[in-house]
C-alpha atoms as a PDB file:
ATOM      1  CA  MET A   1      -3.653 -20.164   7.565  1.00  0.00           C
ATOM      2  CA  SER A   2      -3.606 -16.985   5.467  1.00  0.00           C
ATOM      3  CA  HIS A   3      -6.276 -16.744   2.768  1.00  0.00           C
ATOM      4  CA  ILE A   4      -5.174 -15.353  -0.610  1.00  0.00           C
ATOM      5  CA  LEU A   5      -7.451 -14.174  -3.392  1.00  0.00           C
ATOM      6  CA  ILE A   6      -5.926 -14.495  -6.870  1.00  0.00           C
ATOM      7  CA  VAL A   7      -7.598 -12.349  -9.535  1.00  0.00           C
ATOM      8  CA  GLU A   8      -6.357 -13.621 -12.893  1.00  0.00           C
ATOM      9  CA  ASP A   9      -8.249 -14.315 -16.124  1.00  0.00           C
ATOM     10  CA  GLU A  10      -5.557 -16.553 -17.636  1.00  0.00           C
ATOM     11  CA  THR A  11      -6.502 -20.029 -16.427  1.00  0.00           C
ATOM     12  CA  GLU A  12      -3.026 -21.497 -16.772  1.00  0.00           C
ATOM     13  CA  ILE A  13      -1.414 -18.754 -14.702  1.00  0.00           C
ATOM     14  CA  ALA A  14      -4.127 -18.860 -12.065  1.00  0.00           C
ATOM     15  CA  GLY A  15      -3.798 -22.641 -11.738  1.00  0.00           C
ATOM     16  CA  TYR A  16      -0.023 -22.427 -11.478  1.00  0.00           C
ATOM     17  CA  LEU A  17      -0.246 -19.800  -8.740  1.00  0.00           C
ATOM     18  CA  ARG A  18      -2.911 -21.734  -6.850  1.00  0.00           C
ATOM     19  CA  ARG A  19      -0.850 -24.935  -6.834  1.00  0.00           C
ATOM     20  CA  GLY A  20       2.303 -23.142  -5.684  1.00  0.00           C
ATOM     21  CA  LEU A  21       0.599 -21.219  -2.902  1.00  0.00           C
ATOM     22  CA  VAL A  22      -1.412 -24.178  -1.639  1.00  0.00           C
ATOM     23  CA  PHE A  23       1.865 -26.149  -1.488  1.00  0.00           C
ATOM     24  CA  GLU A  24       3.308 -23.322   0.647  1.00  0.00           C
ATOM     25  CA  GLY A  25       0.421 -23.623   3.081  1.00  0.00           C
ATOM     26  CA  PHE A  26      -1.963 -20.903   1.991  1.00  0.00           C
ATOM     27  CA  SER A  27      -5.698 -21.071   1.425  1.00  0.00           C
ATOM     28  CA  VAL A  28      -6.363 -19.889  -2.140  1.00  0.00           C
ATOM     29  CA  GLU A  29      -9.436 -18.653  -4.033  1.00  0.00           C
ATOM     30  CA  ILE A  30      -9.472 -17.777  -7.732  1.00  0.00           C
ATOM     31  CA  ALA A  31     -11.532 -15.050  -9.425  1.00  0.00           C
ATOM     32  CA  ALA A  32     -11.346 -14.717 -13.203  1.00  0.00           C
ATOM     33  CA  ASN A  33     -12.655 -11.143 -13.470  1.00  0.00           C
ATOM     34  CA  GLY A  34     -13.166  -7.973 -11.490  1.00  0.00           C
ATOM     35  CA  VAL A  35     -16.825  -8.512 -10.599  1.00  0.00           C
ATOM     36  CA  ALA A  36     -16.111 -12.016  -9.295  1.00  0.00           C
ATOM     37  CA  ALA A  37     -13.119 -10.679  -7.337  1.00  0.00           C
ATOM     38  CA  LEU A  38     -15.191  -8.027  -5.541  1.00  0.00           C
ATOM     39  CA  ALA A  39     -17.899 -10.547  -4.731  1.00  0.00           C
ATOM     40  CA  ALA A  40     -15.323 -13.037  -3.405  1.00  0.00           C
ATOM     41  CA  ALA A  41     -13.709 -10.338  -1.251  1.00  0.00           C
ATOM     42  CA  ARG A  42     -17.062  -9.467   0.275  1.00  0.00           C
ATOM     43  CA  GLU A  43     -18.051 -13.071   0.981  1.00  0.00           C
ATOM     44  CA  ARG A  44     -14.709 -14.133   2.449  1.00  0.00           C
ATOM     45  CA  PRO A  45     -12.335 -11.238   3.103  1.00  0.00           C
ATOM     46  CA  PRO A  46      -8.840 -12.275   2.050  1.00  0.00           C
ATOM     47  CA  ASP A  47      -5.615 -11.658   3.945  1.00  0.00           C
ATOM     48  CA  LEU A  48      -3.950 -10.631   0.656  1.00  0.00           C
ATOM     49  CA  VAL A  49      -4.953 -10.110  -2.985  1.00  0.00           C
ATOM     50  CA  VAL A  50      -2.837 -10.954  -6.041  1.00  0.00           C
ATOM     51  CA  LEU A  51      -4.421  -8.833  -8.735  1.00  0.00           C
ATOM     52  CA  ASP A  52      -3.823  -8.833 -12.488  1.00  0.00           C
ATOM     53  CA  ILE A  53      -4.189  -5.338 -13.956  1.00  0.00           C
ATOM     54  CA  MET A  54      -5.569  -6.534 -17.314  1.00  0.00           C
ATOM     55  CA  LEU A  55      -8.998  -8.055 -16.666  1.00  0.00           C
ATOM     56  CA  PRO A  56     -12.165  -8.346 -18.724  1.00  0.00           C
ATOM     57  CA  GLY A  57     -14.872  -5.845 -17.752  1.00  0.00           C
ATOM     58  CA  VAL A  58     -13.797  -4.145 -14.536  1.00  0.00           C
ATOM     59  CA  ASP A  59     -10.018  -3.806 -14.798  1.00  0.00           C
ATOM     60  CA  GLY A  60      -7.472  -4.341 -12.030  1.00  0.00           C
ATOM     61  CA  LEU A  61      -7.057  -0.632 -11.275  1.00  0.00           C
ATOM     62  CA  GLU A  62     -10.769  -0.244 -10.561  1.00  0.00           C
ATOM     63  CA  VAL A  63     -10.799  -3.443  -8.508  1.00  0.00           C
ATOM     64  CA  ALA A  64      -7.880  -2.103  -6.447  1.00  0.00           C
ATOM     65  CA  ARG A  65      -9.678   1.211  -5.891  1.00  0.00           C
ATOM     66  CA  ARG A  66     -12.868  -0.515  -4.693  1.00  0.00           C
ATOM     67  CA  LEU A  67     -11.032  -2.968  -2.482  1.00  0.00           C
ATOM     68  CA  ARG A  68      -9.031  -0.120  -0.955  1.00  0.00           C
ATOM     69  CA  THR A  69     -12.140   1.890  -0.081  1.00  0.00           C
ATOM     70  CA  ALA A  70     -13.493  -1.112   1.804  1.00  0.00           C
ATOM     71  CA  SER A  71     -10.389  -2.396   3.605  1.00  0.00           C
ATOM     72  CA  ASP A  72      -6.618  -2.210   4.052  1.00  0.00           C
ATOM     73  CA  VAL A  73      -6.018  -5.669   2.587  1.00  0.00           C
ATOM     74  CA  PRO A  74      -2.533  -5.919   1.008  1.00  0.00           C
ATOM     75  CA  ILE A  75      -2.688  -5.901  -2.806  1.00  0.00           C
ATOM     76  CA  ILE A  76       0.091  -7.133  -5.097  1.00  0.00           C
ATOM     77  CA  MET A  77      -0.585  -6.085  -8.664  1.00  0.00           C
ATOM     78  CA  LEU A  78       0.517  -8.176 -11.674  1.00  0.00           C
ATOM     79  CA  THR A  79       0.991  -6.644 -15.112  1.00  0.00           C
ATOM     80  CA  ALA A  80       2.777  -7.186 -18.403  1.00  0.00           C
ATOM     81  CA  ARG A  81       3.658  -3.474 -18.538  1.00  0.00           C
ATOM     82  CA  ASP A  82       6.793  -2.142 -16.875  1.00  0.00           C
ATOM     83  CA  ALA A  83       6.593   1.565 -17.683  1.00  0.00           C
ATOM     84  CA  VAL A  84       6.911   3.926 -14.672  1.00  0.00           C
ATOM     85  CA  PRO A  85       3.469   5.576 -15.317  1.00  0.00           C
ATOM     86  CA  ASP A  86       1.804   2.153 -15.190  1.00  0.00           C
ATOM     87  CA  ARG A  87       3.532   1.285 -11.898  1.00  0.00           C
ATOM     88  CA  VAL A  88       2.552   4.637 -10.445  1.00  0.00           C
ATOM     89  CA  ALA A  89      -1.079   4.193 -11.617  1.00  0.00           C
ATOM     90  CA  GLY A  90      -1.225   0.803  -9.888  1.00  0.00           C
ATOM     91  CA  LEU A  91       0.143   2.088  -6.634  1.00  0.00           C
ATOM     92  CA  GLU A  92      -2.065   5.190  -6.695  1.00  0.00           C
ATOM     93  CA  ALA A  93      -5.064   2.923  -7.204  1.00  0.00           C
ATOM     94  CA  GLY A  94      -4.193   1.281  -3.889  1.00  0.00           C
ATOM     95  CA  ALA A  95      -1.753  -1.506  -4.633  1.00  0.00           C
ATOM     96  CA  ASP A  96       0.962  -2.166  -2.081  1.00  0.00           C
ATOM     97  CA  ASP A  97       3.408  -3.844  -4.449  1.00  0.00           C
ATOM     98  CA  TYR A  98       3.864  -4.429  -8.159  1.00  0.00           C
ATOM     99  CA  LEU A  99       5.244  -7.401 -10.071  1.00  0.00           C
ATOM    100  CA  VAL A 100       5.870  -7.499 -13.852  1.00  0.00           C
ATOM    101  CA  LYS A 101       5.084 -10.605 -15.903  1.00  0.00           C
ATOM    102  CA  PRO A 102       6.824 -12.942 -16.476  1.00  0.00           C
ATOM    103  CA  PHE A 103       8.003 -13.377 -12.903  1.00  0.00           C
ATOM    104  CA  ALA A 104       9.515 -16.157 -10.821  1.00  0.00           C
ATOM    105  CA  PHE A 105       7.072 -17.762  -8.374  1.00  0.00           C
ATOM    106  CA  GLU A 106       9.730 -17.457  -5.646  1.00  0.00           C
ATOM    107  CA  GLU A 107       9.718 -13.660  -6.042  1.00  0.00           C
ATOM    108  CA  LEU A 108       5.945 -13.471  -5.742  1.00  0.00           C
ATOM    109  CA  LEU A 109       6.065 -15.738  -2.688  1.00  0.00           C
ATOM    110  CA  ALA A 110       8.674 -13.522  -1.049  1.00  0.00           C
ATOM    111  CA  ARG A 111       6.607 -10.389  -1.693  1.00  0.00           C
ATOM    112  CA  ILE A 112       3.490 -12.083  -0.313  1.00  0.00           C
ATOM    113  CA  ARG A 113       5.304 -12.959   2.870  1.00  0.00           C
ATOM    114  CA  VAL A 114       6.657  -9.403   3.248  1.00  0.00           C
ATOM    115  CA  GLN A 115       3.157  -7.941   2.934  1.00  0.00           C
ATOM    116  CA  LEU A 116       1.654 -10.434   5.386  1.00  0.00           C
ATOM    117  CA  ARG A 117       4.398  -9.716   7.927  1.00  0.00           C
ATOM    118  CA  ARG A 118       3.721  -6.000   7.552  1.00  0.00           C
ATOM    119  CA  ARG A 119       0.046  -6.560   8.187  1.00  0.00           C
ATOM    120  CA  GLN A 120       0.687  -8.722  11.256  1.00  0.00           C
ATOM    121  CA  ARG A 121       3.008  -6.027  12.608  1.00  0.00           C
ATOM    122  CA  ASP A 122       0.375  -3.366  12.004  1.00  0.00           C
ATOM    123  CA  GLU A 123      -2.204  -5.359  13.913  1.00  0.00           C
ATOM    124  CA  GLN A 124      -0.099  -5.294  17.079  1.00  0.00           C
ATOM    125  CA  SER A 125      -1.440  -2.716  19.516  1.00  0.00           C
ATOM    126  CA  THR A 126       0.786   0.359  19.331  1.00  0.00           C
ATOM    127  CA  VAL A 127      -0.062   4.045  19.627  1.00  0.00           C
ATOM    128  CA  LEU A 128       2.426   6.366  17.960  1.00  0.00           C
ATOM    129  CA  ARG A 129       2.415  10.038  18.972  1.00  0.00           C
ATOM    130  CA  TYR A 130       4.052  13.224  17.849  1.00  0.00           C
ATOM    131  CA  GLY A 131       2.718  16.554  18.990  1.00  0.00           C
ATOM    132  CA  SER A 132      -1.053  16.564  18.358  1.00  0.00           C
ATOM    133  CA  LEU A 133      -0.705  13.700  15.914  1.00  0.00           C
ATOM    134  CA  THR A 134      -1.613  10.184  17.102  1.00  0.00           C
ATOM    135  CA  MET A 135      -1.774   6.852  15.232  1.00  0.00           C
ATOM    136  CA  ASP A 136      -3.346   3.760  16.749  1.00  0.00           C
ATOM    137  CA  THR A 137      -1.894   0.924  14.686  1.00  0.00           C
ATOM    138  CA  ALA A 138      -4.223  -1.665  16.175  1.00  0.00           C
ATOM    139  CA  ALA A 139      -7.402   0.292  15.337  1.00  0.00           C
ATOM    140  CA  HIS A 140      -5.743   1.679  12.182  1.00  0.00           C
ATOM    141  CA  GLU A 141      -6.891   5.164  13.159  1.00  0.00           C
ATOM    142  CA  THR A 142      -5.119   8.517  12.920  1.00  0.00           C
ATOM    143  CA  HIS A 143      -6.053  11.751  14.717  1.00  0.00           C
ATOM    144  CA  ILE A 144      -4.870  15.350  14.782  1.00  0.00           C
ATOM    145  CA  GLY A 145      -6.036  16.460  18.190  1.00  0.00           C
ATOM    146  CA  GLN A 146      -9.663  15.268  18.313  1.00  0.00           C
ATOM    147  CA  ARG A 147     -10.101  15.239  14.515  1.00  0.00           C
ATOM    148  CA  ARG A 148      -9.963  11.876  12.825  1.00  0.00           C
ATOM    149  CA  VAL A 149      -7.909  11.796   9.615  1.00  0.00           C
ATOM    150  CA  GLU A 150      -8.987   9.291   6.949  1.00  0.00           C
ATOM    151  CA  LEU A 151      -5.955   7.858   5.125  1.00  0.00           C
ATOM    152  CA  THR A 152      -5.484   5.399   2.292  1.00  0.00           C
ATOM    153  CA  ALA A 153      -3.308   2.352   2.992  1.00  0.00           C
ATOM    154  CA  LYS A 154      -0.221   3.897   1.376  1.00  0.00           C
ATOM    155  CA  GLU A 155      -0.724   7.267   3.021  1.00  0.00           C
ATOM    156  CA  TYR A 156      -1.017   5.487   6.350  1.00  0.00           C
ATOM    157  CA  GLU A 157       2.188   3.518   5.756  1.00  0.00           C
ATOM    158  CA  LEU A 158       4.112   6.660   4.802  1.00  0.00           C
ATOM    159  CA  LEU A 159       2.891   8.580   7.839  1.00  0.00           C
ATOM    160  CA  GLU A 160       3.668   5.611  10.074  1.00  0.00           C
ATOM    161  CA  LEU A 161       7.268   5.691   8.799  1.00  0.00           C
ATOM    162  CA  PHE A 162       7.542   9.378   9.715  1.00  0.00           C
ATOM    163  CA  LEU A 163       6.065   8.676  13.189  1.00  0.00           C
ATOM    164  CA  HIS A 164       8.677   5.966  13.819  1.00  0.00           C
ATOM    165  CA  HIS A 165      11.403   8.494  12.989  1.00  0.00           C
ATOM    166  CA  PRO A 166      10.263  11.959  14.248  1.00  0.00           C
ATOM    167  CA  GLN A 167      12.658  14.887  13.846  1.00  0.00           C
ATOM    168  CA  GLN A 168      14.828  12.729  11.576  1.00  0.00           C
ATOM    169  CA  VAL A 169      15.431  13.509   7.925  1.00  0.00           C
ATOM    170  CA  LEU A 170      14.248  10.607   5.743  1.00  0.00           C
ATOM    171  CA  THR A 171      15.891  10.543   2.337  1.00  0.00           C
ATOM    172  CA  ARG A 172      13.927   9.722  -0.799  1.00  0.00           C
ATOM    173  CA  GLU A 173      15.892   6.496  -1.076  1.00  0.00           C
ATOM    174  CA  VAL A 174      14.905   5.396   2.457  1.00  0.00           C
ATOM    175  CA  ILE A 175      11.240   6.256   1.828  1.00  0.00           C
ATOM    176  CA  TYR A 176      11.217   4.330  -1.439  1.00  0.00           C
ATOM    177  CA  ASP A 177      12.763   1.307   0.232  1.00  0.00           C
ATOM    178  CA  ARG A 178      10.568   1.292   3.384  1.00  0.00           C
ATOM    179  CA  VAL A 179       7.204   2.211   1.815  1.00  0.00           C
ATOM    180  CA  TRP A 180       7.345   1.009  -1.772  1.00  0.00           C
ATOM    181  CA  GLY A 181      10.017  -1.644  -1.464  1.00  0.00           C
ATOM    182  CA  TYR A 182      11.943  -0.740  -4.586  1.00  0.00           C
ATOM    183  CA  ASP A 183      13.243   2.256  -6.496  1.00  0.00           C
ATOM    184  CA  PHE A 184      11.124   3.979  -9.103  1.00  0.00           C
ATOM    185  CA  GLY A 185      14.090   5.948 -10.398  1.00  0.00           C
ATOM    186  CA  GLY A 186      14.383   9.652 -11.022  1.00  0.00           C
ATOM    187  CA  GLU A 187      11.343   9.796 -13.299  1.00  0.00           C
ATOM    188  CA  SER A 188       8.812   9.274 -10.521  1.00  0.00           C
ATOM    189  CA  ASN A 189       7.318  11.914  -8.262  1.00  0.00           C
ATOM    190  CA  ILE A 190       5.316   9.377  -6.260  1.00  0.00           C
ATOM    191  CA  ILE A 191       6.814  10.556  -2.920  1.00  0.00           C
ATOM    192  CA  GLU A 192       5.954  14.188  -3.633  1.00  0.00           C
ATOM    193  CA  VAL A 193       2.431  13.178  -4.568  1.00  0.00           C
ATOM    194  CA  TYR A 194       1.860  11.230  -1.319  1.00  0.00           C
ATOM    195  CA  VAL A 195       3.483  13.904   0.867  1.00  0.00           C
ATOM    196  CA  ARG A 196       1.107  16.416  -0.726  1.00  0.00           C
ATOM    197  CA  TYR A 197      -1.866  14.122   0.014  1.00  0.00           C
ATOM    198  CA  LEU A 198      -0.755  13.804   3.672  1.00  0.00           C
ATOM    199  CA  ARG A 199      -0.239  17.532   4.068  1.00  0.00           C
ATOM    200  CA  GLN A 200      -3.692  18.281   2.690  1.00  0.00           C
ATOM    201  CA  LYS A 201      -5.333  15.844   5.121  1.00  0.00           C
ATOM    202  CA  LEU A 202      -3.247  16.741   8.198  1.00  0.00           C
ATOM    203  CA  GLU A 203      -3.710  20.481   7.601  1.00  0.00           C
ATOM    204  CA  ALA A 204      -7.365  20.379   6.487  1.00  0.00           C
ATOM    205  CA  ALA A 205      -8.594  22.285   9.560  1.00  0.00           C
ATOM    206  CA  GLY A 206      -5.780  24.839   9.544  1.00  0.00           C
ATOM    207  CA  GLU A 207      -3.314  22.838  11.639  1.00  0.00           C
ATOM    208  CA  PRO A 208       0.363  23.772  11.372  1.00  0.00           C
ATOM    209  CA  ARG A 209       2.569  21.840   8.974  1.00  0.00           C
ATOM    210  CA  LEU A 210       4.281  18.734  10.414  1.00  0.00           C
ATOM    211  CA  ILE A 211       5.890  17.193   7.305  1.00  0.00           C
ATOM    212  CA  HIS A 212       8.597  19.504   5.993  1.00  0.00           C
ATOM    213  CA  THR A 213      10.752  19.318   2.871  1.00  0.00           C
ATOM    214  CA  VAL A 214      14.521  19.239   3.321  1.00  0.00           C
ATOM    215  CA  ARG A 215      15.626  20.578  -0.054  1.00  0.00           C
ATOM    216  CA  GLY A 216      17.666  18.117  -2.082  1.00  0.00           C
ATOM    217  CA  VAL A 217      17.538  15.460   0.646  1.00  0.00           C
ATOM    218  CA  GLY A 218      14.065  14.305   1.646  1.00  0.00           C
ATOM    219  CA  TYR A 219      11.456  14.997   4.341  1.00  0.00           C
ATOM    220  CA  ILE A 220      11.195  15.386   8.113  1.00  0.00           C
ATOM    221  CA  LEU A 221       8.364  15.167  10.669  1.00  0.00           C
ATOM    222  CA  ARG A 222       8.930  18.269  12.818  1.00  0.00           C
ATOM    223  CA  GLU A 223       6.944  20.836  14.753  1.00  0.00           C
ATOM    224  CA  ASP A 224       7.979  24.348  13.909  1.00  0.00           C
ATOM    225  CA  SER A 225       6.566  27.487  12.366  1.00  0.00           C
ATOM    226  CA  VAL A 226       8.556  27.319   9.147  1.00  0.00           C
ATOM    227  CA  ALA A 227       6.583  25.789   6.281  1.00  0.00           C
ATOM    228  CA  ALA A 228       8.675  24.093   3.630  1.00  0.00           C
END
């Protein structure tokens, strides 16, 4: 039975979510604020966190950042704000998905199941390799040669996508769909931001570039001497 931590200060919403998720067979714990959420996550690590962005005291963005530094637990962020900068802020804080209030319970349930399936898939023992780059999806570790590369959950997911499709151009649309699950639209530079993060970490010791830009199309994982 998967254990879900709901972080929501509105009692009515929290109760509604608890009842629905328990009915669907999940174990559920409620935390009404950020401090309580972090304590609950330490005492009984959840399989997934449903996190409201607007919380008293420590807000949802800070909770997401602290959870992400401690684990790769999937985080679905809830908010009343639908502006692109707010969505980007949530994802950059470590959230894996984003749902705007008001929402249908069925949509939240579907997103929870998607995230749990992804986590179960990631826990299967697979080592992905390309050149000097290796990713152990069971241990959740990435290396360039002998150097370990520390990645956030979203950086890891993006790099894993590239490793599953080496020497293949991935369009922005494909990356949005596979990594973020929906389209941000033309306003967002979230992909560029995360590609930059990956390049900085993969090239930190002077290694050659592996992730190249294909102008006007997307990105490719490729070994060559031409930086893009």
